[in-house]
Protein backbone atom coordinates (compact mmCIF):
# COMPACT_ATOMS: atom_id res chain seq x y z
CA UNK A 1 0.00 -0.12 -0.03
CA UNK A 2 1.21 3.48 -1.10
CA UNK A 3 0.41 5.03 2.46
CA UNK A 4 2.85 2.57 4.09
CA UNK A 5 5.63 3.22 2.16
CA UNK A 6 4.92 7.31 3.15
CA UNK A 7 5.57 5.80 6.77
CA UNK A 8 8.66 4.12 5.91
CA UNK A 9 10.35 6.57 3.68
CA UNK A 10 9.47 9.36 6.48
CA UNK A 11 11.32 7.13 9.17
CA UNK A 12 14.33 6.32 6.93
CA UNK A 13 14.74 10.35 6.49
CA UNK A 14 13.91 10.96 10.00
CA UNK A 15 16.75 8.50 11.10
CA UNK A 16 19.29 10.16 8.58
CA UNK A 17 18.52 13.66 10.19
CA UNK A 18 19.39 12.24 13.53
CA UNK A 19 22.77 11.18 12.11
CA UNK A 20 23.50 14.10 10.53
CA UNK A 21 22.47 16.05 13.98
CA UNK A 22 25.11 13.80 15.60
CA UNK A 23 27.67 14.47 13.22
CA UNK A 24 27.16 18.19 13.42
CA UNK A 25 27.26 18.07 17.37
CA UNK A 26 30.84 17.52 17.27
CA UNK A 27 30.72 13.74 18.09
CA UNK A 28 31.68 14.23 21.69
CA UNK A 29 34.56 16.42 20.77
CA UNK A 30 36.32 14.13 18.13
CA UNK A 31 34.91 16.81 15.23
CA UNK A 32 34.54 20.73 15.09
CA UNK A 33 30.59 21.70 15.80
CA UNK A 34 29.12 21.83 12.67
CA UNK A 35 31.62 20.71 10.67
CA UNK A 36 33.04 23.95 10.36
CA UNK A 37 36.30 24.90 9.40
CA UNK A 38 36.56 27.79 12.04
CA UNK A 39 33.57 26.99 14.61
CA UNK A 40 32.25 30.34 15.99
CA UNK A 41 33.01 32.22 12.98
CA UNK A 42 31.35 30.17 10.15
CA UNK A 43 28.30 28.00 10.30
CA UNK A 44 29.88 24.59 8.64
CA UNK A 45 26.68 22.53 7.81
CA UNK A 46 24.39 23.56 10.08
CA UNK A 47 22.28 25.17 7.35
CA UNK A 48 22.06 21.97 5.50
CA UNK A 49 20.60 20.23 8.60
CA UNK A 50 17.95 22.83 8.67
CA UNK A 51 17.09 21.98 5.18
CA UNK A 52 17.10 18.09 6.38
CA UNK A 53 15.20 18.73 9.56
CA UNK A 54 12.39 20.74 7.10
CA UNK A 55 12.06 18.19 4.31
CA UNK A 56 11.53 15.25 7.36
CA UNK A 57 9.04 17.54 8.75
CA UNK A 58 7.06 17.72 5.27
CA UNK A 59 7.31 14.30 4.82
CA UNK A 60 5.67 13.42 7.96
CA UNK A 61 2.76 15.43 7.25
CA UNK A 62 2.74 13.80 4.02
CA UNK A 63 2.22 10.62 5.86
CA UNK A 64 -1.05 11.11 6.54
CA UNK A 65 -2.85 8.31 5.10
CA UNK A 66 -4.59 9.57 1.63
CA UNK A 67 -7.23 6.78 2.41
CA UNK A 68 -8.38 8.15 5.54
CA UNK A 69 -9.91 11.00 3.59
CA UNK A 70 -12.10 9.04 1.33
CA UNK A 71 -15.14 11.10 0.05
CA UNK A 72 -18.05 9.41 -1.94
CA UNK A 73 -18.25 10.55 -5.50
CA UNK A 74 -20.15 10.57 -8.90
CA UNK A 75 -23.64 10.98 -7.02
CA UNK A 76 -22.90 8.65 -4.23
CA UNK A 77 -22.29 5.74 -6.89
CA UNK A 78 -18.70 5.61 -5.49
CA UNK A 79 -18.94 5.54 -1.74
CA UNK A 80 -15.51 4.48 -1.19
CA UNK A 81 -12.86 5.57 -3.21
CA UNK A 82 -9.28 4.05 -2.60
CA UNK A 83 -7.47 7.56 -3.05
CA UNK A 84 -4.62 5.66 -5.03
CA UNK A 85 -3.61 8.50 -7.33
CA UNK A 86 -3.39 11.07 -4.57
CA UNK A 87 -1.21 8.74 -2.45
CA UNK A 88 1.04 8.16 -5.39
CA UNK A 89 0.96 11.84 -5.79
CA UNK A 90 2.20 12.56 -2.48
CA UNK A 91 4.61 9.47 -2.89
CA UNK A 92 6.44 11.22 -5.24
CA UNK A 93 6.90 14.28 -3.08
CA UNK A 94 8.28 11.91 -0.16
CA UNK A 95 10.69 9.76 -2.34
CA UNK A 96 12.34 13.38 -3.27
CA UNK A 97 12.32 14.50 0.41
CA UNK A 98 14.39 11.25 1.45
CA UNK A 99 16.64 11.48 -1.56
CA UNK A 100 17.74 14.81 -0.82
CA UNK A 101 17.67 14.15 3.39
CA UNK A 102 20.26 11.09 2.56
CA UNK A 103 22.16 12.94 0.06
CA UNK A 104 22.57 15.76 2.69
CA UNK A 105 23.72 12.78 5.22
CA UNK A 106 26.14 11.36 2.66
CA UNK A 107 27.69 15.26 2.24
CA UNK A 108 28.05 15.60 6.03
CA UNK A 109 29.53 12.18 6.51
CA UNK A 110 32.13 12.96 3.86
CA UNK A 111 32.94 16.14 5.82
CA UNK A 112 33.21 14.13 8.91
CA UNK A 113 35.54 11.77 7.59
CA UNK A 114 37.51 14.49 5.91
CA UNK A 115 37.90 16.45 9.46
CA UNK A 116 38.75 13.36 11.36
CA UNK A 117 41.29 11.97 9.11
CA UNK A 118 42.84 15.76 8.49
CA UNK A 119 43.24 15.99 12.35
CA UNK A 120 44.75 12.51 12.46
CA UNK A 121 47.09 13.81 10.02
CA UNK A 122 48.07 16.45 11.79
CA UNK A 123 49.06 14.69 14.80
CA UNK A 124 51.16 11.92 12.87
CA UNK A 125 52.84 14.71 11.37
CA UNK A 126 53.59 16.28 14.85
CA UNK A 127 54.69 12.73 16.41
CA UNK A 128 57.04 12.03 12.72
CA UNK A 129 58.43 15.17 13.14
CA UNK A 130 59.49 14.54 16.36
CA UNK A 131 60.63 11.26 15.93
CA UNK A 132 62.52 12.33 12.85
CA UNK A 133 64.28 15.11 14.87
CA UNK A 134 65.60 12.22 17.20
CA UNK A 135 67.21 10.70 14.09
CA UNK A 136 68.94 13.82 12.95
CA UNK A 137 72.65 12.93 12.92
CA UNK A 138 72.07 9.51 14.69
CA UNK A 139 75.16 8.20 12.65
CA UNK A 140 77.26 11.08 12.63
CA UNK A 141 80.15 9.19 13.60
CA UNK A 142 79.79 6.43 11.01
CA UNK A 143 79.20 8.88 8.40
CA UNK A 144 82.42 10.93 9.10
CA UNK A 145 84.34 7.65 9.31
CA UNK A 146 82.88 6.62 5.56
CA UNK A 147 83.56 10.10 4.89
CA UNK A 148 87.26 9.67 5.80
CA UNK A 149 87.59 6.60 4.26
CA UNK A 150 85.97 8.47 0.54
CA UNK A 151 88.81 10.93 1.11
CA UNK A 152 91.73 9.02 1.79
CA UNK A 153 90.73 5.37 0.58
CA UNK A 154 91.85 4.26 3.90
CA UNK A 155 89.28 2.41 5.99
CA UNK A 156 89.78 1.39 9.65
CA UNK A 157 87.29 -0.85 10.53
CA UNK A 158 87.67 -1.08 14.00
CA UNK A 159 86.99 2.85 14.41
CA UNK A 160 83.99 2.27 11.76
CA UNK A 161 82.41 -0.29 14.08
CA UNK A 162 83.61 1.80 17.13
CA UNK A 163 81.65 4.53 15.85
CA UNK A 164 78.78 2.70 14.94
CA UNK A 165 78.33 1.12 18.13
CA UNK A 166 78.64 4.64 19.54
CA UNK A 167 76.20 5.84 17.23
CA UNK A 168 73.57 3.27 18.19
CA UNK A 169 74.08 4.01 22.09
CA UNK A 170 73.57 7.35 21.42
CA UNK A 171 70.11 6.73 19.46
CA UNK A 172 69.12 4.18 22.11
CA UNK A 173 69.69 6.93 24.97
CA UNK A 174 67.31 9.19 22.71
CA UNK A 175 64.62 6.39 22.33
CA UNK A 176 64.66 5.67 26.19
CA UNK A 177 64.22 9.61 26.57
CA UNK A 178 61.57 9.86 23.20
CA UNK A 179 59.42 6.46 24.31
CA UNK A 180 57.34 7.34 26.89
CA UNK A 181 56.69 10.15 24.89
CA UNK A 182 55.90 8.42 21.94
CA UNK A 183 53.91 5.87 24.01
CA UNK A 184 51.72 8.75 25.43
CA UNK A 185 51.01 10.11 21.87
CA UNK A 186 50.50 6.81 20.48
CA UNK A 187 46.61 6.79 22.15
CA UNK A 188 46.06 9.55 19.57
CA UNK A 189 46.04 7.15 16.89
CA UNK A 190 43.55 4.60 18.85
CA UNK A 191 41.08 7.29 19.16
CA UNK A 192 41.68 8.62 22.75
CA UNK A 193 43.30 11.96 21.51
C-alpha cells in the first residue's frame, strides 16, 4: 500500500536527519561543531541540517494516509474511493524529500571523515617530526668514518665499528628518553586523543 511507503520513507529520512545531527554536534569533541573549519565564525553544515529537518517534517505531514480522506463521488455511486492517485502523487514528493535528506547525510559524513582524517594526519605529522628530529645526526660518527674513507681511500674497520656502536648507543639513549613520550602520544591513533 502506498500510504505504508510514506511512513517507511519518513522513518528513513528521520533516522538520517538524526545521524546528521550527531555528526554536526561534534561527536563528543572528536569533530568540530557543525563541521565548520572555524567554529564560531562559520556555520559549517548547520543550514544543511535545517534543510534536512524541514524535509523530514514535510514528509511526516505527507505521511497522513490518503485513504483516510475518502469522499463519496459520482452522486454517491462510488461510496468509497481508494485515493490511490493522491497517495501516488504524495509518494513522489516523499521519495524526493528522502533522497535529499540522504544526500545531505552523505555530504555531512564526507565532511566528518575529512575533518577526522585531517586531525589525525596533523597529529601524525607532529609525532613523525619529533621522531625524525631524534634521528637527525644519529649516525654522524659512522658517516664521518665513511667520509674519511672516501677522502683517503683507507678504512679503519675498528674505528668504523666503534663509531657505529657509539651512534647506536646515542640513538638508544634518545629512544629511552623519547619512548615514554611516543607511548603517551600513541593514544592519539587509538582515538583517545
